[in-house]
């Protein structure tokens, strides 16, 4: 299953879509410094909250932990809408 969230930064007003995969095949990680997204394949990543370093020096953390605004890199993010997509 995949959950798509419509997110908004309360610092600068930027709005964007973010997907979160909740299965053992794909895990989504975000850089805690620049906000870059990394999708990792493989069931061996289950339970891993940090997955490597980003080119900017930050660490990739599991989706939902420290998501940053892609515009201002602020941490004041709210989810305004959530849509669950089932893959069959």
Protein backbone atom coordinates (compact mmCIF):
# COMPACT_ATOMS: atom_id res chain seq x y z
CA UNK A 1 0.00 0.00 0.00
CA UNK A 2 1.10 3.54 -0.67
CA UNK A 3 -0.08 6.63 1.18
CA UNK A 4 0.07 9.97 -0.59
CA UNK A 5 0.10 13.03 1.65
CA UNK A 6 -0.48 16.61 0.59
CA UNK A 7 2.01 18.51 2.76
CA UNK A 8 2.37 22.20 3.56
CA UNK A 9 5.22 24.15 5.13
CA UNK A 10 3.87 26.60 7.68
CA UNK A 11 7.06 28.68 7.43
CA UNK A 12 6.99 29.59 3.71
CA UNK A 13 3.63 28.22 2.49
CA UNK A 14 5.12 25.71 -0.01
CA UNK A 15 2.75 22.81 -0.77
CA UNK A 16 3.72 19.45 -2.31
CA UNK A 17 2.83 15.77 -2.56
CA UNK A 18 4.78 13.14 -0.65
CA UNK A 19 4.39 9.39 -1.01
CA UNK A 20 5.06 6.86 1.69
CA UNK A 21 5.32 3.18 0.89
CA UNK A 22 4.29 0.83 3.67
CA UNK A 23 5.55 -2.53 2.49
CA UNK A 24 8.69 -4.56 2.93
CA UNK A 25 9.85 -4.13 -0.67
CA UNK A 26 10.28 -0.33 -0.82
CA UNK A 27 11.26 2.12 1.91
CA UNK A 28 11.31 5.91 1.52
CA UNK A 29 14.00 7.98 3.23
CA UNK A 30 14.50 11.77 3.32
CA UNK A 31 17.74 13.66 3.96
CA UNK A 32 17.55 15.40 7.34
CA UNK A 33 19.54 18.36 5.98
CA UNK A 34 18.36 19.12 2.40
CA UNK A 35 15.15 17.06 2.15
CA UNK A 36 16.24 14.92 -0.84
CA UNK A 37 14.24 11.70 -1.21
CA UNK A 38 15.77 8.22 -1.53
CA UNK A 39 13.75 5.08 -2.28
CA UNK A 40 15.45 1.84 -1.27
CA UNK A 41 14.42 -1.56 -2.62
CA UNK A 42 14.81 -4.77 -0.68
CA UNK A 43 13.28 -6.35 2.39
CA UNK A 44 16.60 -6.11 4.28
CA UNK A 45 15.94 -2.44 5.05
CA UNK A 46 12.98 -3.12 7.36
CA UNK A 47 13.49 -1.55 10.75
CA UNK A 48 16.41 0.62 9.59
CA UNK A 49 15.71 4.25 10.47
CA UNK A 50 18.86 5.72 8.84
CA UNK A 51 20.07 4.68 5.37
CA UNK A 52 23.37 6.28 4.38
CA UNK A 53 24.59 9.81 3.91
CA UNK A 54 23.48 12.43 1.38
CA UNK A 55 25.90 14.41 -0.82
CA UNK A 56 25.12 17.48 1.33
CA UNK A 57 26.40 15.76 4.51
CA UNK A 58 22.97 14.95 5.97
CA UNK A 59 21.63 11.49 6.78
CA UNK A 60 18.75 9.73 5.03
CA UNK A 61 16.04 8.99 7.59
CA UNK A 62 12.87 6.94 7.24
CA UNK A 63 9.88 8.72 5.71
CA UNK A 64 7.92 10.56 8.36
CA UNK A 65 10.99 11.39 10.41
CA UNK A 66 12.35 14.91 9.88
CA UNK A 67 10.72 15.70 6.52
CA UNK A 68 11.99 19.09 5.38
CA UNK A 69 10.37 21.68 3.15
CA UNK A 70 11.93 21.43 -0.34
CA UNK A 71 11.86 25.24 -0.67
CA UNK A 72 13.04 26.69 2.67
CA UNK A 73 14.18 23.47 4.45
CA UNK A 74 11.92 24.31 7.39
CA UNK A 75 10.69 21.58 9.71
CA UNK A 76 7.21 22.97 10.41
CA UNK A 77 5.33 20.64 8.06
CA UNK A 78 1.64 19.74 8.28
CA UNK A 79 -0.27 17.10 6.34
CA UNK A 80 -3.42 18.63 4.89
CA UNK A 81 -4.79 15.59 3.02
CA UNK A 82 -4.04 11.86 3.04
CA UNK A 83 -4.97 9.44 0.27
CA UNK A 84 -4.39 5.67 0.55
CA UNK A 85 -3.67 3.88 -2.72
CA UNK A 86 -3.94 0.11 -2.75
CA UNK A 87 -1.90 -1.86 -5.27
CA UNK A 88 -3.39 -5.20 -6.14
